[in-house]
Amino acid sequence: MQVVRASSLVDEIRNRLRLAILAQQLPAGEAVRDSVLAAQMQVSRAPVREALRALEQSGLVVKSPNRSYIVASFTPQDLADLAGVRLALEGLACRLSVSSAASSSGMESALSRLREAVDDQDPVAMVAADRQFHEALVAASGNGRLVANYAQICDQIELALHSNGALDRGREGLVERHEELLAEYQRAVERRDLSQLLPLLESHIAGGLGMSFPSVTGYPS
């Protein structure tokens, strides 16, 4: 039997809380108290505090004025900032992927999972499949540092999509929008031409977060 190290316990607690937040079991704005969690998990408060600090770094929880943690919520400016960073990273990924004619197989697999989630009317699975699609787009770049930087905002993107009602607003046509993006990526690779792909990506990202072009780029559309 392997010894359970303290770091392993922190990771396990962090992962449980992360999944609970992303599954909306802990909704945006809800207080997350280390004493309550420690009692529920039958552990000491120290690893819970460390896990909460890690979640704060990933943007899933924030410190409230009274210094306790709450599940993160998003102002319009938060969403614009997040969309801008996401667009910069995914746009770079598109440039690198198209220039190397990278395969779209990862995106195709994620799109299949998205279709299944929509058929099952499972909102958590829909957001997860949406995330997997865009992670595959970034991974196709072949740039490890870009992938690592994108991974740092993925949880925030997923939480934002849940928190701002993205699925209630845009569930209709969710599969079709990703099919359109995939098809345009494949055309861009074939033609070595990003002129249609990048504006479509911008519209896709902005629309998913309920914003217009100017609020993402800062320039008129």
C-alpha atoms as a PDB file:
ATOM      1  CA  MET A   1       0.000   0.000   0.000  1.00  0.00           C
ATOM      2  CA  GLN A   2       1.453   3.341  -1.055  1.00  0.00           C
ATOM      3  CA  VAL A   3       1.879   6.105   1.482  1.00  0.00           C
ATOM      4  CA  VAL A   4      -0.513   9.003   0.881  1.00  0.00           C
ATOM      5  CA  ARG A   5       1.604  12.136   0.813  1.00  0.00           C
ATOM      6  CA  ALA A   6       0.320  15.512   1.931  1.00  0.00           C
ATOM      7  CA  SER A   7       0.722  16.900  -1.586  1.00  0.00           C
ATOM      8  CA  SER A   8      -1.450  14.060  -2.929  1.00  0.00           C
ATOM      9  CA  LEU A   9      -4.178  14.950  -0.448  1.00  0.00           C
ATOM     10  CA  VAL A  10      -4.078  18.603  -1.479  1.00  0.00           C
ATOM     11  CA  ASP A  11      -4.328  17.578  -5.137  1.00  0.00           C
ATOM     12  CA  GLU A  12      -7.268  15.285  -4.411  1.00  0.00           C
ATOM     13  CA  ILE A  13      -9.131  18.007  -2.496  1.00  0.00           C
ATOM     14  CA  ARG A  14      -8.371  20.582  -5.203  1.00  0.00           C
ATOM     15  CA  ASN A  15      -9.639  18.253  -7.913  1.00  0.00           C
ATOM     16  CA  ARG A  16     -12.844  17.440  -6.017  1.00  0.00           C
ATOM     17  CA  LEU A  17     -13.579  21.113  -5.481  1.00  0.00           C
ATOM     18  CA  ARG A  18     -12.672  21.964  -9.066  1.00  0.00           C
ATOM     19  CA  LEU A  19     -15.088  19.364 -10.413  1.00  0.00           C
ATOM     20  CA  ALA A  20     -17.827  20.511  -8.032  1.00  0.00           C
ATOM     21  CA  ILE A  21     -17.420  24.113  -9.203  1.00  0.00           C
ATOM     22  CA  LEU A  22     -17.372  23.234 -12.899  1.00  0.00           C
ATOM     23  CA  ALA A  23     -20.403  20.953 -12.454  1.00  0.00           C
ATOM     24  CA  GLN A  24     -22.252  23.847 -10.796  1.00  0.00           C
ATOM     25  CA  GLN A  25     -22.596  21.940  -7.534  1.00  0.00           C
ATOM     26  CA  LEU A  26     -20.905  24.995  -6.022  1.00  0.00           C
ATOM     27  CA  PRO A  27     -22.480  27.901  -7.956  1.00  0.00           C
ATOM     28  CA  ALA A  28     -20.902  31.269  -8.675  1.00  0.00           C
ATOM     29  CA  GLY A  29     -20.836  33.547  -5.643  1.00  0.00           C
ATOM     30  CA  GLU A  30     -21.242  30.763  -3.091  1.00  0.00           C
ATOM     31  CA  ALA A  31     -19.026  30.897  -0.022  1.00  0.00           C
ATOM     32  CA  VAL A  32     -16.445  28.116   0.228  1.00  0.00           C
ATOM     33  CA  ARG A  33     -15.312  27.813   3.864  1.00  0.00           C
ATOM     34  CA  ASP A  34     -12.302  25.717   4.739  1.00  0.00           C
ATOM     35  CA  SER A  35     -13.758  24.685   8.092  1.00  0.00           C
ATOM     36  CA  VAL A  36     -16.957  23.360   6.510  1.00  0.00           C
ATOM     37  CA  LEU A  37     -15.120  21.559   3.732  1.00  0.00           C
ATOM     38  CA  ALA A  38     -12.631  20.025   6.149  1.00  0.00           C
ATOM     39  CA  ALA A  39     -15.478  18.633   8.246  1.00  0.00           C
ATOM     40  CA  GLN A  40     -17.279  17.287   5.168  1.00  0.00           C
ATOM     41  CA  MET A  41     -14.142  15.605   3.844  1.00  0.00           C
ATOM     42  CA  GLN A  42     -12.930  14.508   7.268  1.00  0.00           C
ATOM     43  CA  VAL A  43      -9.521  16.102   6.839  1.00  0.00           C
ATOM     44  CA  SER A  44      -7.666  18.885   8.592  1.00  0.00           C
ATOM     45  CA  ARG A  45      -8.090  22.483   7.447  1.00  0.00           C
ATOM     46  CA  ALA A  46      -4.480  22.878   6.262  1.00  0.00           C
ATOM     47  CA  PRO A  47      -4.741  20.847   3.014  1.00  0.00           C
ATOM     48  CA  VAL A  48      -8.126  22.435   2.284  1.00  0.00           C
ATOM     49  CA  ARG A  49      -6.559  25.884   2.555  1.00  0.00           C
ATOM     50  CA  GLU A  50      -3.756  24.866   0.202  1.00  0.00           C
ATOM     51  CA  ALA A  51      -6.272  23.468  -2.276  1.00  0.00           C
ATOM     52  CA  LEU A  52      -8.275  26.707  -2.153  1.00  0.00           C
ATOM     53  CA  ARG A  53      -5.128  28.737  -2.786  1.00  0.00           C
ATOM     54  CA  ALA A  54      -4.451  26.610  -5.868  1.00  0.00           C
ATOM     55  CA  LEU A  55      -8.015  27.165  -7.079  1.00  0.00           C
ATOM     56  CA  GLU A  56      -7.573  30.888  -6.528  1.00  0.00           C
ATOM     57  CA  GLN A  57      -4.534  30.831  -8.808  1.00  0.00           C
ATOM     58  CA  SER A  58      -6.566  29.108 -11.530  1.00  0.00           C
ATOM     59  CA  GLY A  59      -9.340  31.688 -11.176  1.00  0.00           C
ATOM     60  CA  LEU A  60     -12.101  29.419  -9.878  1.00  0.00           C
ATOM     61  CA  VAL A  61     -12.362  31.022  -6.435  1.00  0.00           C
ATOM     62  CA  VAL A  62     -11.603  34.513  -5.181  1.00  0.00           C
ATOM     63  CA  LYS A  63     -11.014  36.052  -1.773  1.00  0.00           C
ATOM     64  CA  SER A  64     -14.005  37.969  -0.450  1.00  0.00           C
ATOM     65  CA  PRO A  65     -13.593  41.209   1.566  1.00  0.00           C
ATOM     66  CA  ASN A  66     -13.828  39.232   4.812  1.00  0.00           C
ATOM     67  CA  ARG A  67     -10.927  37.059   3.515  1.00  0.00           C
ATOM     68  CA  SER A  68     -12.999  33.895   3.032  1.00  0.00           C
ATOM     69  CA  TYR A  69     -13.238  32.295  -0.411  1.00  0.00           C
ATOM     70  CA  ILE A  70     -16.179  32.444  -2.797  1.00  0.00           C
ATOM     71  CA  VAL A  71     -16.732  30.766  -6.151  1.00  0.00           C
ATOM     72  CA  ALA A  72     -15.724  33.191  -8.899  1.00  0.00           C
ATOM     73  CA  SER A  73     -18.292  35.141 -10.876  1.00  0.00           C
ATOM     74  CA  PHE A  74     -17.686  37.314 -13.933  1.00  0.00           C
ATOM     75  CA  THR A  75     -18.384  40.978 -14.600  1.00  0.00           C
ATOM     76  CA  PRO A  76     -18.748  42.165 -18.214  1.00  0.00           C
ATOM     77  CA  GLN A  77     -15.166  43.440 -18.045  1.00  0.00           C
ATOM     78  CA  ASP A  78     -13.954  40.073 -16.729  1.00  0.00           C
ATOM     79  CA  LEU A  79     -15.611  38.356 -19.694  1.00  0.00           C
ATOM     80  CA  ALA A  80     -14.094  40.835 -22.161  1.00  0.00           C
ATOM     81  CA  ASP A  81     -10.631  40.335 -20.656  1.00  0.00           C
ATOM     82  CA  LEU A  82     -10.997  36.562 -20.741  1.00  0.00           C
ATOM     83  CA  ALA A  83     -12.270  36.570 -24.320  1.00  0.00           C
ATOM     84  CA  GLY A  84      -9.406  38.814 -25.416  1.00  0.00           C
ATOM     85  CA  VAL A  85      -6.769  36.523 -23.946  1.00  0.00           C
ATOM     86  CA  ARG A  86      -8.529  33.478 -25.341  1.00  0.00           C
ATOM     87  CA  LEU A  87      -8.695  35.017 -28.808  1.00  0.00           C
ATOM     88  CA  ALA A  88      -5.000  35.933 -28.733  1.00  0.00           C
ATOM     89  CA  LEU A  89      -3.991  32.375 -27.801  1.00  0.00           C
ATOM     90  CA  GLU A  90      -6.389  30.554 -30.120  1.00  0.00           C
ATOM     91  CA  GLY A  91      -5.600  32.960 -32.951  1.00  0.00           C
ATOM     92  CA  LEU A  92      -1.889  32.205 -32.601  1.00  0.00           C
ATOM     93  CA  ALA A  93      -2.719  28.499 -32.489  1.00  0.00           C
ATOM     94  CA  CYS A  94      -4.623  28.829 -35.766  1.00  0.00           C
ATOM     95  CA  ARG A  95      -1.677  30.562 -37.426  1.00  0.00           C
ATOM     96  CA  LEU A  96       0.747  27.869 -36.319  1.00  0.00           C
ATOM     97  CA  SER A  97      -1.597  24.983 -37.098  1.00  0.00           C
ATOM     98  CA  VAL A  98      -2.499  26.220 -40.561  1.00  0.00           C
ATOM     99  CA  SER A  99       1.130  26.933 -41.442  1.00  0.00           C
ATOM    100  CA  SER A 100       2.058  23.347 -40.558  1.00  0.00           C
ATOM    101  CA  ALA A 101      -1.119  21.842 -42.053  1.00  0.00           C
ATOM    102  CA  ALA A 102      -1.903  20.207 -38.720  1.00  0.00           C
ATOM    103  CA  SER A 103      -4.540  17.486 -38.557  1.00  0.00           C
ATOM    104  CA  SER A 104      -8.027  18.392 -37.346  1.00  0.00           C
ATOM    105  CA  SER A 105      -8.661  14.902 -35.916  1.00  0.00           C
ATOM    106  CA  GLY A 106      -8.718  16.108 -32.305  1.00  0.00           C
ATOM    107  CA  MET A 107     -11.368  18.693 -33.136  1.00  0.00           C
ATOM    108  CA  GLU A 108     -13.377  16.095 -35.045  1.00  0.00           C
ATOM    109  CA  SER A 109     -13.385  13.756 -32.026  1.00  0.00           C
ATOM    110  CA  ALA A 110     -14.474  16.566 -29.703  1.00  0.00           C
ATOM    111  CA  LEU A 111     -17.237  17.532 -32.136  1.00  0.00           C
ATOM    112  CA  SER A 112     -18.580  13.972 -31.993  1.00  0.00           C
ATOM    113  CA  ARG A 113     -18.708  14.217 -28.193  1.00  0.00           C
ATOM    114  CA  LEU A 114     -20.467  17.582 -28.483  1.00  0.00           C
ATOM    115  CA  ARG A 115     -23.152  16.058 -30.716  1.00  0.00           C
ATOM    116  CA  GLU A 116     -23.719  13.294 -28.150  1.00  0.00           C
ATOM    117  CA  ALA A 117     -23.953  15.807 -25.297  1.00  0.00           C
ATOM    118  CA  VAL A 118     -26.504  17.912 -27.192  1.00  0.00           C
ATOM    119  CA  ASP A 119     -28.549  14.803 -28.033  1.00  0.00           C
ATOM    120  CA  ASP A 120     -28.485  13.864 -24.330  1.00  0.00           C
ATOM    121  CA  GLN A 121     -29.330  17.453 -23.289  1.00  0.00           C
ATOM    122  CA  ASP A 122     -26.427  17.335 -20.820  1.00  0.00           C
ATOM    123  CA  PRO A 123     -25.184  20.913 -20.222  1.00  0.00           C
ATOM    124  CA  VAL A 124     -22.100  19.879 -18.244  1.00  0.00           C
ATOM    125  CA  ALA A 125     -21.046  17.489 -21.016  1.00  0.00           C
ATOM    126  CA  MET A 126     -21.749  20.179 -23.624  1.00  0.00           C
ATOM    127  CA  VAL A 127     -19.387  22.650 -21.984  1.00  0.00           C
ATOM    128  CA  ALA A 128     -16.773  19.921 -21.473  1.00  0.00           C
ATOM    129  CA  ALA A 129     -16.944  18.934 -25.154  1.00  0.00           C
ATOM    130  CA  ASP A 130     -16.766  22.593 -26.202  1.00  0.00           C
ATOM    131  CA  ARG A 131     -13.631  22.895 -24.072  1.00  0.00           C
ATOM    132  CA  GLN A 132     -12.125  19.753 -25.624  1.00  0.00           C
ATOM    133  CA  PHE A 133     -12.743  21.123 -29.121  1.00  0.00           C
ATOM    134  CA  HIS A 134     -10.822  24.326 -28.419  1.00  0.00           C
ATOM    135  CA  GLU A 135      -8.090  22.504 -26.508  1.00  0.00           C
ATOM    136  CA  ALA A 136      -7.626  20.321 -29.601  1.00  0.00           C
ATOM    137  CA  LEU A 137      -7.396  23.431 -31.761  1.00  0.00           C
ATOM    138  CA  VAL A 138      -4.621  24.796 -29.550  1.00  0.00           C
ATOM    139  CA  ALA A 139      -2.867  21.430 -29.285  1.00  0.00           C
ATOM    140  CA  ALA A 140      -2.738  21.227 -33.091  1.00  0.00           C
ATOM    141  CA  SER A 141      -0.286  24.152 -32.992  1.00  0.00           C
ATOM    142  CA  GLY A 142       2.396  21.807 -31.684  1.00  0.00           C
ATOM    143  CA  ASN A 143       3.644  24.580 -29.385  1.00  0.00           C
ATOM    144  CA  GLY A 144       3.997  23.243 -25.843  1.00  0.00           C
ATOM    145  CA  ARG A 145       4.282  26.654 -24.204  1.00  0.00           C
ATOM    146  CA  LEU A 146       1.169  27.879 -25.982  1.00  0.00           C
ATOM    147  CA  VAL A 147      -0.719  24.778 -24.838  1.00  0.00           C
ATOM    148  CA  ALA A 148       0.467  25.340 -21.252  1.00  0.00           C
ATOM    149  CA  ASN A 149      -0.591  28.987 -21.273  1.00  0.00           C
ATOM    150  CA  TYR A 150      -3.988  28.113 -22.700  1.00  0.00           C
ATOM    151  CA  ALA A 151      -4.485  25.444 -20.030  1.00  0.00           C
ATOM    152  CA  GLN A 152      -4.220  28.159 -17.374  1.00  0.00           C
ATOM    153  CA  ILE A 153      -7.433  29.819 -18.544  1.00  0.00           C
ATOM    154  CA  CYS A 154      -9.470  26.744 -19.542  1.00  0.00           C
ATOM    155  CA  ASP A 155     -11.167  26.345 -16.159  1.00  0.00           C
ATOM    156  CA  GLN A 156     -12.102  30.031 -16.173  1.00  0.00           C
ATOM    157  CA  ILE A 157     -13.562  29.718 -19.676  1.00  0.00           C
ATOM    158  CA  GLU A 158     -15.604  26.683 -18.658  1.00  0.00           C
ATOM    159  CA  LEU A 159     -16.882  28.385 -15.512  1.00  0.00           C
ATOM    160  CA  ALA A 160     -17.706  31.563 -17.456  1.00  0.00           C
ATOM    161  CA  LEU A 161     -19.759  29.605 -19.983  1.00  0.00           C
ATOM    162  CA  HIS A 162     -21.772  28.080 -17.144  1.00  0.00           C
ATOM    163  CA  SER A 163     -22.041  31.272 -15.124  1.00  0.00           C
ATOM    164  CA  ASN A 164     -23.216  33.655 -17.826  1.00  0.00           C
ATOM    165  CA  GLY A 165     -25.907  31.387 -19.224  1.00  0.00           C
ATOM    166  CA  ALA A 166     -24.070  30.683 -22.471  1.00  0.00           C
ATOM    167  CA  LEU A 167     -25.885  27.405 -23.016  1.00  0.00           C
ATOM    168  CA  ASP A 168     -29.315  28.802 -22.212  1.00  0.00           C
ATOM    169  CA  ARG A 169     -28.609  31.568 -24.698  1.00  0.00           C
ATOM    170  CA  GLY A 170     -26.796  29.604 -27.384  1.00  0.00           C
ATOM    171  CA  ARG A 171     -27.609  25.898 -27.097  1.00  0.00           C
ATOM    172  CA  GLU A 172     -29.540  26.097 -30.363  1.00  0.00           C
ATOM    173  CA  GLY A 173     -26.972  25.816 -33.122  1.00  0.00           C
ATOM    174  CA  LEU A 174     -24.111  24.874 -30.772  1.00  0.00           C
ATOM    175  CA  VAL A 175     -23.069  21.899 -32.884  1.00  0.00           C
ATOM    176  CA  GLU A 176     -23.506  23.822 -36.129  1.00  0.00           C
ATOM    177  CA  ARG A 177     -21.247  26.653 -34.961  1.00  0.00           C
ATOM    178  CA  HIS A 178     -18.466  24.206 -34.184  1.00  0.00           C
ATOM    179  CA  GLU A 179     -19.022  22.379 -37.469  1.00  0.00           C
ATOM    180  CA  GLU A 180     -18.647  25.710 -39.245  1.00  0.00           C
ATOM    181  CA  LEU A 181     -15.422  26.504 -37.379  1.00  0.00           C
ATOM    182  CA  LEU A 182     -13.989  23.064 -38.113  1.00  0.00           C
ATOM    183  CA  ALA A 183     -14.879  23.292 -41.800  1.00  0.00           C
ATOM    184  CA  GLU A 184     -13.274  26.725 -42.078  1.00  0.00           C
ATOM    185  CA  TYR A 185     -10.141  25.458 -40.332  1.00  0.00           C
ATOM    186  CA  GLN A 186      -9.911  22.628 -42.859  1.00  0.00           C
ATOM    187  CA  ARG A 187     -10.367  25.077 -45.745  1.00  0.00           C
ATOM    188  CA  ALA A 188      -7.692  27.352 -44.268  1.00  0.00           C
ATOM    189  CA  VAL A 189      -5.244  24.436 -44.117  1.00  0.00           C
ATOM    190  CA  GLU A 190      -6.023  23.432 -47.680  1.00  0.00           C
ATOM    191  CA  ARG A 191      -5.631  26.980 -49.012  1.00  0.00           C
ATOM    192  CA  ARG A 192      -3.003  28.233 -46.532  1.00  0.00           C
ATOM    193  CA  ASP A 193      -5.328  31.189 -46.023  1.00  0.00           C
ATOM    194  CA  LEU A 194      -6.419  32.536 -42.616  1.00  0.00           C
ATOM    195  CA  SER A 195      -8.492  35.432 -43.943  1.00  0.00           C
ATOM    196  CA  GLN A 196     -11.837  33.764 -43.178  1.00  0.00           C
ATOM    197  CA  LEU A 197     -10.819  31.603 -40.230  1.00  0.00           C
ATOM    198  CA  LEU A 198      -9.629  34.338 -37.856  1.00  0.00           C
ATOM    199  CA  PRO A 199     -12.748  36.560 -38.133  1.00  0.00           C
ATOM    200  CA  LEU A 200     -14.921  33.468 -37.687  1.00  0.00           C
ATOM    201  CA  LEU A 201     -12.927  32.458 -34.602  1.00  0.00           C
ATOM    202  CA  GLU A 202     -13.348  35.940 -33.159  1.00  0.00           C
ATOM    203  CA  SER A 203     -17.084  35.870 -33.740  1.00  0.00           C
ATOM    204  CA  HIS A 204     -17.303  32.356 -32.285  1.00  0.00           C
ATOM    205  CA  ILE A 205     -15.466  33.286 -29.077  1.00  0.00           C
ATOM    206  CA  ALA A 206     -17.282  36.586 -28.596  1.00  0.00           C
ATOM    207  CA  GLY A 207     -20.681  35.045 -29.294  1.00  0.00           C
ATOM    208  CA  GLY A 208     -20.066  32.220 -26.829  1.00  0.00           C
ATOM    209  CA  LEU A 209     -19.552  34.764 -24.066  1.00  0.00           C
ATOM    210  CA  GLY A 210     -22.427  36.961 -25.193  1.00  0.00           C
ATOM    211  CA  MET A 211     -20.344  39.879 -26.486  1.00  0.00           C
ATOM    212  CA  SER A 212     -19.904  41.841 -29.685  1.00  0.00           C
ATOM    213  CA  PHE A 213     -16.687  42.257 -31.645  1.00  0.00           C
ATOM    214  CA  PRO A 214     -15.649  45.664 -30.225  1.00  0.00           C
ATOM    215  CA  SER A 215     -15.811  44.484 -26.615  1.00  0.00           C
ATOM    216  CA  VAL A 216     -13.282  41.744 -27.393  1.00  0.00           C
ATOM    217  CA  THR A 217     -10.853  43.478 -29.712  1.00  0.00           C
ATOM    218  CA  GLY A 218     -11.343  47.095 -28.755  1.00  0.00           C
ATOM    219  CA  TYR A 219     -11.750  47.987 -32.438  1.00  0.00           C
ATOM    220  CA  PRO A 220     -14.911  48.610 -34.432  1.00  0.00           C
ATOM    221  CA  SER A 221     -16.172  45.637 -36.425  1.00  0.00           C
END
